[in-house]
Amino acid sequence: MLSVQGVSKSFGGVHALRDVTVACGAAEILGLIGPNGAGKSTLVNAISGVLRPSRGSISLGDEDLTGRGPEHAARQGVGRTFQNLRLFPFMTARQNVEVAHITCRRHRPETAAAIDVDALMAEYGLDVVAERPAGTLPYGQQRRLEIVRALALGPRLLLLDEPAAGLNDYESEELAHAVQRIRDRTQAALIVIDHDLRFIMSVCDRICVLDMGEVVAIDVPGAIRANPKVIDIYLGQMN
């Protein structure tokens, strides 16, 4: 479904991504890990149209996403959350979700028809705060609201940037179950960035490891955990 081919991104003399090639199929959860500054968020920003790659191509199915901007990516069904929360704080929780659903209705009406905003919010325990300004919600609820907003887009590809950040062990476990339910119900491709290795290892089908903007390894969680190079550059530091 998602194909990233030879993508590089430079900021002046700094090479944030170097010839990155990776794919993520429908109904697959791909983890993205690596040290700080490895290029993880840069890659997600390039996929979602926030950044234009210096070289390479990005496609979702038959649709070319390369450098066409976040609006085009959203219209094609690319949903995402952010490492730092990007809710509309003065809009209600429900209005935040409706914004995404409106985009889906305009550009993919058949997909939108199957999405019930109120039922979606209730499923994630947000119906009781639907009329509260998003910025007044507790942190954990704001994290959930970002995910629900992305789901209201009816995503073909869902990008989750540090979704478990700031969550306690119970909330992280609940999030892992939620991410797997999203995959099972929507058949979307998912890419998940997180520093919580227990969360990543439990939820992902495959894991891509980046270091200094380059792909070090792509494999199933067990093989990544045992990979000497990955241990050296990342897992050993985390342990």
C-alpha atoms as a PDB file:
ATOM      1  CA  MET A   1       0.000   0.000   0.000  1.00  0.00           C
ATOM      2  CA  LEU A   2       2.628   2.578   1.069  1.00  0.00           C
ATOM      3  CA  SER A   3       5.849   2.683  -0.917  1.00  0.00           C
ATOM      4  CA  VAL A   4       8.775   4.938   0.028  1.00  0.00           C
ATOM      5  CA  GLN A   5      11.538   4.722  -2.569  1.00  0.00           C
ATOM      6  CA  GLY A   6      14.990   6.260  -2.150  1.00  0.00           C
ATOM      7  CA  VAL A   7      13.780   9.200  -0.075  1.00  0.00           C
ATOM      8  CA  SER A   8      16.367  11.705   1.122  1.00  0.00           C
ATOM      9  CA  LYS A   9      15.834  14.982   2.953  1.00  0.00           C
ATOM     10  CA  SER A  10      18.452  17.626   3.680  1.00  0.00           C
ATOM     11  CA  PHE A  11      18.228  20.788   5.747  1.00  0.00           C
ATOM     12  CA  GLY A  12      21.152  22.857   4.519  1.00  0.00           C
ATOM     13  CA  GLY A  13      24.170  20.636   5.105  1.00  0.00           C
ATOM     14  CA  VAL A  14      22.329  18.287   7.479  1.00  0.00           C
ATOM     15  CA  HIS A  15      21.141  15.004   5.931  1.00  0.00           C
ATOM     16  CA  ALA A  16      18.057  14.004   7.919  1.00  0.00           C
ATOM     17  CA  LEU A  17      17.173  11.107   5.597  1.00  0.00           C
ATOM     18  CA  ARG A  18      19.515   9.225   3.269  1.00  0.00           C
ATOM     19  CA  ASP A  19      18.074   7.033   0.524  1.00  0.00           C
ATOM     20  CA  VAL A  20      15.315   5.537   2.688  1.00  0.00           C
ATOM     21  CA  THR A  21      13.314   2.731   1.071  1.00  0.00           C
ATOM     22  CA  VAL A  22      10.524   1.073   3.033  1.00  0.00           C
ATOM     23  CA  ALA A  23       7.033  -0.290   2.376  1.00  0.00           C
ATOM     24  CA  CYS A  24       3.991  -0.919   4.559  1.00  0.00           C
ATOM     25  CA  GLY A  25       1.161  -3.144   3.374  1.00  0.00           C
ATOM     26  CA  ALA A  26      -2.555  -2.946   4.072  1.00  0.00           C
ATOM     27  CA  ALA A  27      -3.425  -4.226   7.564  1.00  0.00           C
ATOM     28  CA  GLU A  28       0.244  -4.121   8.576  1.00  0.00           C
ATOM     29  CA  ILE A  29       1.596  -2.336  11.643  1.00  0.00           C
ATOM     30  CA  LEU A  30       5.146  -1.125  10.979  1.00  0.00           C
ATOM     31  CA  GLY A  31       7.174   0.215  13.890  1.00  0.00           C
ATOM     32  CA  LEU A  32       9.720   2.968  13.378  1.00  0.00           C
ATOM     33  CA  ILE A  33      12.461   3.193  16.007  1.00  0.00           C
ATOM     34  CA  GLY A  34      15.940   4.630  16.434  1.00  0.00           C
ATOM     35  CA  PRO A  35      17.961   7.100  18.498  1.00  0.00           C
ATOM     36  CA  ASN A  36      16.921  10.736  18.839  1.00  0.00           C
ATOM     37  CA  GLY A  37      17.697  12.523  15.595  1.00  0.00           C
ATOM     38  CA  ALA A  38      17.593   9.300  13.554  1.00  0.00           C
ATOM     39  CA  GLY A  39      15.065  10.784  11.103  1.00  0.00           C
ATOM     40  CA  LYS A  40      11.870   9.095  12.285  1.00  0.00           C
ATOM     41  CA  SER A  41       9.643  12.177  12.483  1.00  0.00           C
ATOM     42  CA  THR A  42      11.237  13.580   9.315  1.00  0.00           C
ATOM     43  CA  LEU A  43      10.188  10.431   7.448  1.00  0.00           C
ATOM     44  CA  VAL A  44       6.634  10.617   8.789  1.00  0.00           C
ATOM     45  CA  ASN A  45       6.488  14.317   7.897  1.00  0.00           C
ATOM     46  CA  ALA A  46       7.617  13.503   4.352  1.00  0.00           C
ATOM     47  CA  ILE A  47       4.994  10.752   3.999  1.00  0.00           C
ATOM     48  CA  SER A  48       2.207  13.006   5.274  1.00  0.00           C
ATOM     49  CA  GLY A  49       3.210  15.897   3.022  1.00  0.00           C
ATOM     50  CA  VAL A  50       4.450  18.244   5.735  1.00  0.00           C
ATOM     51  CA  LEU A  51       7.940  18.101   4.203  1.00  0.00           C
ATOM     52  CA  ARG A  52       8.972  17.786   0.566  1.00  0.00           C
ATOM     53  CA  PRO A  53      11.699  15.158   0.026  1.00  0.00           C
ATOM     54  CA  SER A  54      14.945  16.347  -1.526  1.00  0.00           C
ATOM     55  CA  ARG A  55      14.980  13.138  -3.602  1.00  0.00           C
ATOM     56  CA  GLY A  56      12.930   9.977  -3.992  1.00  0.00           C
ATOM     57  CA  SER A  57       9.239   9.138  -4.263  1.00  0.00           C
ATOM     58  CA  ILE A  58       6.333   8.330  -1.955  1.00  0.00           C
ATOM     59  CA  SER A  59       3.130   6.643  -3.102  1.00  0.00           C
ATOM     60  CA  LEU A  60      -0.017   5.269  -1.507  1.00  0.00           C
ATOM     61  CA  GLY A  61      -1.409   2.614  -3.793  1.00  0.00           C
ATOM     62  CA  ASP A  62      -1.502   4.214  -7.230  1.00  0.00           C
ATOM     63  CA  GLU A  63      -1.480   7.762  -5.839  1.00  0.00           C
ATOM     64  CA  ASP A  64       1.754   9.778  -5.884  1.00  0.00           C
ATOM     65  CA  LEU A  65       2.116  11.725  -2.636  1.00  0.00           C
ATOM     66  CA  THR A  66       5.617  13.083  -3.262  1.00  0.00           C
ATOM     67  CA  GLY A  67       5.800  16.723  -2.235  1.00  0.00           C
ATOM     68  CA  ARG A  68       2.103  17.354  -2.851  1.00  0.00           C
ATOM     69  CA  GLY A  69       1.361  18.722   0.602  1.00  0.00           C
ATOM     70  CA  PRO A  70      -0.600  17.589   3.677  1.00  0.00           C
ATOM     71  CA  GLU A  71      -3.980  18.556   2.220  1.00  0.00           C
ATOM     72  CA  HIS A  72      -3.504  16.184  -0.704  1.00  0.00           C
ATOM     73  CA  ALA A  73      -2.289  13.416   1.609  1.00  0.00           C
ATOM     74  CA  ALA A  74      -5.336  13.844   3.873  1.00  0.00           C
ATOM     75  CA  ARG A  75      -7.699  13.724   0.893  1.00  0.00           C
ATOM     76  CA  GLN A  76      -6.111  10.433  -0.143  1.00  0.00           C
ATOM     77  CA  GLY A  77      -6.699   8.987   3.329  1.00  0.00           C
ATOM     78  CA  VAL A  78      -3.429   9.663   5.168  1.00  0.00           C
ATOM     79  CA  GLY A  79      -4.258  10.284   8.820  1.00  0.00           C
ATOM     80  CA  ARG A  80      -1.746  11.092  11.523  1.00  0.00           C
ATOM     81  CA  THR A  81      -1.049  12.166  15.064  1.00  0.00           C
ATOM     82  CA  PHE A  82       1.886  14.289  16.189  1.00  0.00           C
ATOM     83  CA  GLN A  83       4.711  13.931  18.678  1.00  0.00           C
ATOM     84  CA  ASN A  84       3.549  17.228  20.202  1.00  0.00           C
ATOM     85  CA  LEU A  85      -0.240  17.423  20.377  1.00  0.00           C
ATOM     86  CA  ARG A  86      -1.772  19.397  17.504  1.00  0.00           C
ATOM     87  CA  LEU A  87      -5.413  19.583  18.505  1.00  0.00           C
ATOM     88  CA  PHE A  88      -7.578  22.659  17.950  1.00  0.00           C
ATOM     89  CA  PRO A  89      -7.626  23.582  21.666  1.00  0.00           C
ATOM     90  CA  PHE A  90     -10.520  26.060  21.636  1.00  0.00           C
ATOM     91  CA  MET A  91     -12.809  23.813  19.588  1.00  0.00           C
ATOM     92  CA  THR A  92     -14.774  21.107  21.349  1.00  0.00           C
ATOM     93  CA  ALA A  93     -13.575  17.528  21.259  1.00  0.00           C
ATOM     94  CA  ARG A  94     -16.408  16.658  18.873  1.00  0.00           C
ATOM     95  CA  GLN A  95     -15.623  19.574  16.563  1.00  0.00           C
ATOM     96  CA  ASN A  96     -11.999  18.375  16.339  1.00  0.00           C
ATOM     97  CA  VAL A  97     -13.268  15.019  15.084  1.00  0.00           C
ATOM     98  CA  GLU A  98     -15.815  16.594  12.747  1.00  0.00           C
ATOM     99  CA  VAL A  99     -13.080  18.560  10.951  1.00  0.00           C
ATOM    100  CA  ALA A 100     -11.508  15.297   9.772  1.00  0.00           C
ATOM    101  CA  HIS A 101     -14.870  13.734   8.934  1.00  0.00           C
ATOM    102  CA  ILE A 102     -15.819  16.724   6.759  1.00  0.00           C
ATOM    103  CA  THR A 103     -12.620  16.231   4.734  1.00  0.00           C
ATOM    104  CA  CYS A 104     -13.498  12.566   4.286  1.00  0.00           C
ATOM    105  CA  ARG A 105     -17.098  13.393   3.250  1.00  0.00           C
ATOM    106  CA  ARG A 106     -15.904  15.843   0.603  1.00  0.00           C
ATOM    107  CA  HIS A 107     -13.240  13.672  -0.973  1.00  0.00           C
ATOM    108  CA  ARG A 108     -14.138  10.049  -0.127  1.00  0.00           C
ATOM    109  CA  PRO A 109     -17.897  10.063   0.545  1.00  0.00           C
ATOM    110  CA  GLU A 110     -18.364   6.292   0.428  1.00  0.00           C
ATOM    111  CA  THR A 111     -15.771   5.865   3.172  1.00  0.00           C
ATOM    112  CA  ALA A 112     -17.277   8.692   5.231  1.00  0.00           C
ATOM    113  CA  ALA A 113     -20.743   7.153   5.081  1.00  0.00           C
ATOM    114  CA  ALA A 114     -19.519   4.212   7.155  1.00  0.00           C
ATOM    115  CA  ILE A 115     -18.124   6.463   9.931  1.00  0.00           C
ATOM    116  CA  ASP A 116     -20.358   7.505  12.839  1.00  0.00           C
ATOM    117  CA  VAL A 117     -18.583  10.315  14.700  1.00  0.00           C
ATOM    118  CA  ASP A 118     -20.587   9.872  17.911  1.00  0.00           C
ATOM    119  CA  ALA A 119     -20.081   6.092  17.956  1.00  0.00           C
ATOM    120  CA  LEU A 120     -16.371   6.563  17.292  1.00  0.00           C
ATOM    121  CA  MET A 121     -16.015   8.953  20.200  1.00  0.00           C
ATOM    122  CA  ALA A 122     -17.991   6.642  22.477  1.00  0.00           C
ATOM    123  CA  GLU A 123     -15.770   3.698  21.561  1.00  0.00           C
ATOM    124  CA  TYR A 124     -12.745   5.592  22.860  1.00  0.00           C
ATOM    125  CA  GLY A 125     -14.498   6.958  25.952  1.00  0.00           C
ATOM    126  CA  LEU A 126     -14.686  10.526  24.659  1.00  0.00           C
ATOM    127  CA  ASP A 127     -18.474  10.860  24.405  1.00  0.00           C
ATOM    128  CA  VAL A 128     -18.636  12.195  27.975  1.00  0.00           C
ATOM    129  CA  VAL A 129     -16.286  15.078  27.104  1.00  0.00           C
ATOM    130  CA  ALA A 130     -17.542  15.689  23.560  1.00  0.00           C
ATOM    131  CA  GLU A 131     -18.638  19.275  24.261  1.00  0.00           C
ATOM    132  CA  ARG A 132     -15.597  20.298  26.276  1.00  0.00           C
ATOM    133  CA  PRO A 133     -12.837  22.398  24.660  1.00  0.00           C
ATOM    134  CA  ALA A 134     -10.113  19.994  23.573  1.00  0.00           C
ATOM    135  CA  GLY A 135      -7.422  22.015  25.342  1.00  0.00           C
ATOM    136  CA  THR A 136      -9.067  21.467  28.733  1.00  0.00           C
ATOM    137  CA  LEU A 137      -8.960  17.660  28.566  1.00  0.00           C
ATOM    138  CA  PRO A 138      -6.439  15.595  30.551  1.00  0.00           C
ATOM    139  CA  TYR A 139      -3.350  14.586  28.602  1.00  0.00           C
ATOM    140  CA  GLY A 140      -4.388  10.962  28.076  1.00  0.00           C
ATOM    141  CA  GLN A 141      -7.752  12.003  26.665  1.00  0.00           C
ATOM    142  CA  GLN A 142      -6.084  14.495  24.333  1.00  0.00           C
ATOM    143  CA  ARG A 143      -3.880  11.684  23.007  1.00  0.00           C
ATOM    144  CA  ARG A 144      -6.967   9.555  22.384  1.00  0.00           C
ATOM    145  CA  LEU A 145      -8.740  12.477  20.744  1.00  0.00           C
ATOM    146  CA  GLU A 146      -5.905  12.900  18.240  1.00  0.00           C
ATOM    147  CA  ILE A 147      -6.252   9.246  17.274  1.00  0.00           C
ATOM    148  CA  VAL A 148     -10.042   9.484  16.988  1.00  0.00           C
ATOM    149  CA  ARG A 149      -9.712  12.606  14.832  1.00  0.00           C
ATOM    150  CA  ALA A 150      -7.365  10.698  12.520  1.00  0.00           C
ATOM    151  CA  LEU A 151      -9.792   7.760  12.385  1.00  0.00           C
ATOM    152  CA  ALA A 152     -12.654  10.087  11.374  1.00  0.00           C
ATOM    153  CA  LEU A 153     -10.687  10.686   8.185  1.00  0.00           C
ATOM    154  CA  GLY A 154     -11.274   7.031   7.274  1.00  0.00           C
ATOM    155  CA  PRO A 155      -7.521   6.496   6.841  1.00  0.00           C
ATOM    156  CA  ARG A 156      -5.960   4.097   4.372  1.00  0.00           C
ATOM    157  CA  LEU A 157      -2.670   4.922   6.096  1.00  0.00           C
ATOM    158  CA  LEU A 158      -2.415   5.964   9.740  1.00  0.00           C
ATOM    159  CA  LEU A 159       0.799   7.521  11.088  1.00  0.00           C
ATOM    160  CA  LEU A 160       1.170   7.590  14.879  1.00  0.00           C
ATOM    161  CA  ASP A 161       4.062   9.706  16.155  1.00  0.00           C
ATOM    162  CA  GLU A 162       4.860   8.858  19.802  1.00  0.00           C
ATOM    163  CA  PRO A 163       1.277   7.842  20.722  1.00  0.00           C
ATOM    164  CA  ALA A 164       2.384   6.264  24.024  1.00  0.00           C
ATOM    165  CA  ALA A 165       4.420   9.285  25.171  1.00  0.00           C
ATOM    166  CA  GLY A 166       3.414  10.330  28.668  1.00  0.00           C
ATOM    167  CA  LEU A 167       1.086   7.363  29.214  1.00  0.00           C
ATOM    168  CA  ASN A 168       1.299   5.084  32.245  1.00  0.00           C
ATOM    169  CA  ASP A 169       1.702   1.304  31.887  1.00  0.00           C
ATOM    170  CA  TYR A 170      -2.047   0.644  31.943  1.00  0.00           C
ATOM    171  CA  GLU A 171      -2.765   3.357  29.367  1.00  0.00           C
ATOM    172  CA  SER A 172       0.061   2.088  27.162  1.00  0.00           C
ATOM    173  CA  GLU A 173      -1.329  -1.452  27.239  1.00  0.00           C
ATOM    174  CA  GLU A 174      -4.804  -0.174  26.400  1.00  0.00           C
ATOM    175  CA  LEU A 175      -3.329   1.818  23.516  1.00  0.00           C
ATOM    176  CA  ALA A 176      -1.629  -1.303  22.141  1.00  0.00           C
ATOM    177  CA  HIS A 177      -4.975  -3.113  22.056  1.00  0.00           C
ATOM    178  CA  ALA A 178      -6.602  -0.071  20.444  1.00  0.00           C
ATOM    179  CA  VAL A 179      -3.969   0.113  17.688  1.00  0.00           C
ATOM    180  CA  GLN A 180      -4.458  -3.570  16.873  1.00  0.00           C
ATOM    181  CA  ARG A 181      -8.244  -3.091  16.792  1.00  0.00           C
ATOM    182  CA  ILE A 182      -7.789  -0.195  14.363  1.00  0.00           C
ATOM    183  CA  ARG A 183      -5.774  -2.426  12.043  1.00  0.00           C
ATOM    184  CA  ASP A 184      -8.250  -5.302  12.285  1.00  0.00           C
ATOM    185  CA  ARG A 185     -11.331  -3.143  11.680  1.00  0.00           C
ATOM    186  CA  THR A 186     -10.064  -0.732   9.031  1.00  0.00           C
ATOM    187  CA  GLN A 187      -7.416  -2.854   7.257  1.00  0.00           C
ATOM    188  CA  ALA A 188      -5.377   0.357   7.095  1.00  0.00           C
ATOM    189  CA  ALA A 189      -1.601   0.383   6.981  1.00  0.00           C
ATOM    190  CA  LEU A 190      -0.139   1.793  10.211  1.00  0.00           C
ATOM    191  CA  ILE A 191       3.273   3.262  10.976  1.00  0.00           C
ATOM    192  CA  VAL A 192       4.041   3.784  14.653  1.00  0.00           C
ATOM    193  CA  ILE A 193       6.966   5.754  16.131  1.00  0.00           C
ATOM    194  CA  ASP A 194       7.597   5.276  19.828  1.00  0.00           C
ATOM    195  CA  HIS A 195      10.412   5.020  22.383  1.00  0.00           C
ATOM    196  CA  ASP A 196       8.357   2.599  24.495  1.00  0.00           C
ATOM    197  CA  LEU A 197       9.989  -0.617  23.283  1.00  0.00           C
ATOM    198  CA  ARG A 198       7.586  -2.895  25.133  1.00  0.00           C
ATOM    199  CA  PHE A 199       4.719  -1.157  23.331  1.00  0.00           C
ATOM    200  CA  ILE A 200       6.473  -1.325  19.938  1.00  0.00           C
ATOM    201  CA  MET A 201       7.503  -4.976  20.271  1.00  0.00           C
ATOM    202  CA  SER A 202       3.993  -6.034  21.325  1.00  0.00           C
ATOM    203  CA  VAL A 203       2.010  -4.181  18.683  1.00  0.00           C
ATOM    204  CA  CYS A 204       4.070  -4.249  15.462  1.00  0.00           C
ATOM    205  CA  ASP A 205       4.249  -6.861  12.716  1.00  0.00           C
ATOM    206  CA  ARG A 206       7.616  -5.531  11.504  1.00  0.00           C
ATOM    207  CA  ILE A 207       9.995  -2.866  12.747  1.00  0.00           C
ATOM    208  CA  CYS A 208      12.173  -0.475  10.744  1.00  0.00           C
ATOM    209  CA  VAL A 209      15.245   0.868  12.531  1.00  0.00           C
ATOM    210  CA  LEU A 210      16.729   4.211  11.482  1.00  0.00           C
ATOM    211  CA  ASP A 211      20.075   5.700  12.481  1.00  0.00           C
ATOM    212  CA  MET A 212      21.588   8.915  11.145  1.00  0.00           C
ATOM    213  CA  GLY A 213      18.812   9.048   8.539  1.00  0.00           C
ATOM    214  CA  GLU A 214      19.555   5.587   7.125  1.00  0.00           C
ATOM    215  CA  VAL A 215      17.689   2.281   7.359  1.00  0.00           C
ATOM    216  CA  VAL A 216      19.702  -0.080   9.568  1.00  0.00           C
ATOM    217  CA  ALA A 217      17.286  -3.026   9.583  1.00  0.00           C
ATOM    218  CA  ILE A 218      13.700  -3.994   8.752  1.00  0.00           C
ATOM    219  CA  ASP A 219      12.449  -7.232  10.266  1.00  0.00           C
ATOM    220  CA  VAL A 220       9.997  -8.889  12.658  1.00  0.00           C
ATOM    221  CA  PRO A 221      10.249  -7.838  16.329  1.00  0.00           C
ATOM    222  CA  GLY A 222      12.140 -10.946  17.490  1.00  0.00           C
ATOM    223  CA  ALA A 223      14.813 -10.520  14.836  1.00  0.00           C
ATOM    224  CA  ILE A 224      15.151  -6.803  15.568  1.00  0.00           C
ATOM    225  CA  ARG A 225      15.563  -7.520  19.273  1.00  0.00           C
ATOM    226  CA  ALA A 226      18.406  -9.933  18.491  1.00  0.00           C
ATOM    227  CA  ASN A 227      20.110  -7.867  15.756  1.00  0.00           C
ATOM    228  CA  PRO A 228      23.657  -7.009  16.981  1.00  0.00           C
ATOM    229  CA  LYS A 229      23.811  -3.730  15.049  1.00  0.00           C
ATOM    230  CA  VAL A 230      20.430  -2.600  16.402  1.00  0.00           C
ATOM    231  CA  ILE A 231      21.513  -3.535  19.915  1.00  0.00           C
ATOM    232  CA  ASP A 232      24.696  -1.546  19.483  1.00  0.00           C
ATOM    233  CA  ILE A 233      23.137   1.647  18.184  1.00  0.00           C
ATOM    234  CA  TYR A 234      19.845   1.668  20.036  1.00  0.00           C
ATOM    235  CA  LEU A 235      18.536  -1.214  22.125  1.00  0.00           C
ATOM    236  CA  GLY A 236      21.655  -1.382  24.280  1.00  0.00           C
ATOM    237  CA  GLN A 237      21.295   2.315  25.091  1.00  0.00           C
ATOM    238  CA  MET A 238      17.597   1.880  25.935  1.00  0.00           C
ATOM    239  CA  ASN A 239      18.359  -1.059  28.229  1.00  0.00           C
END
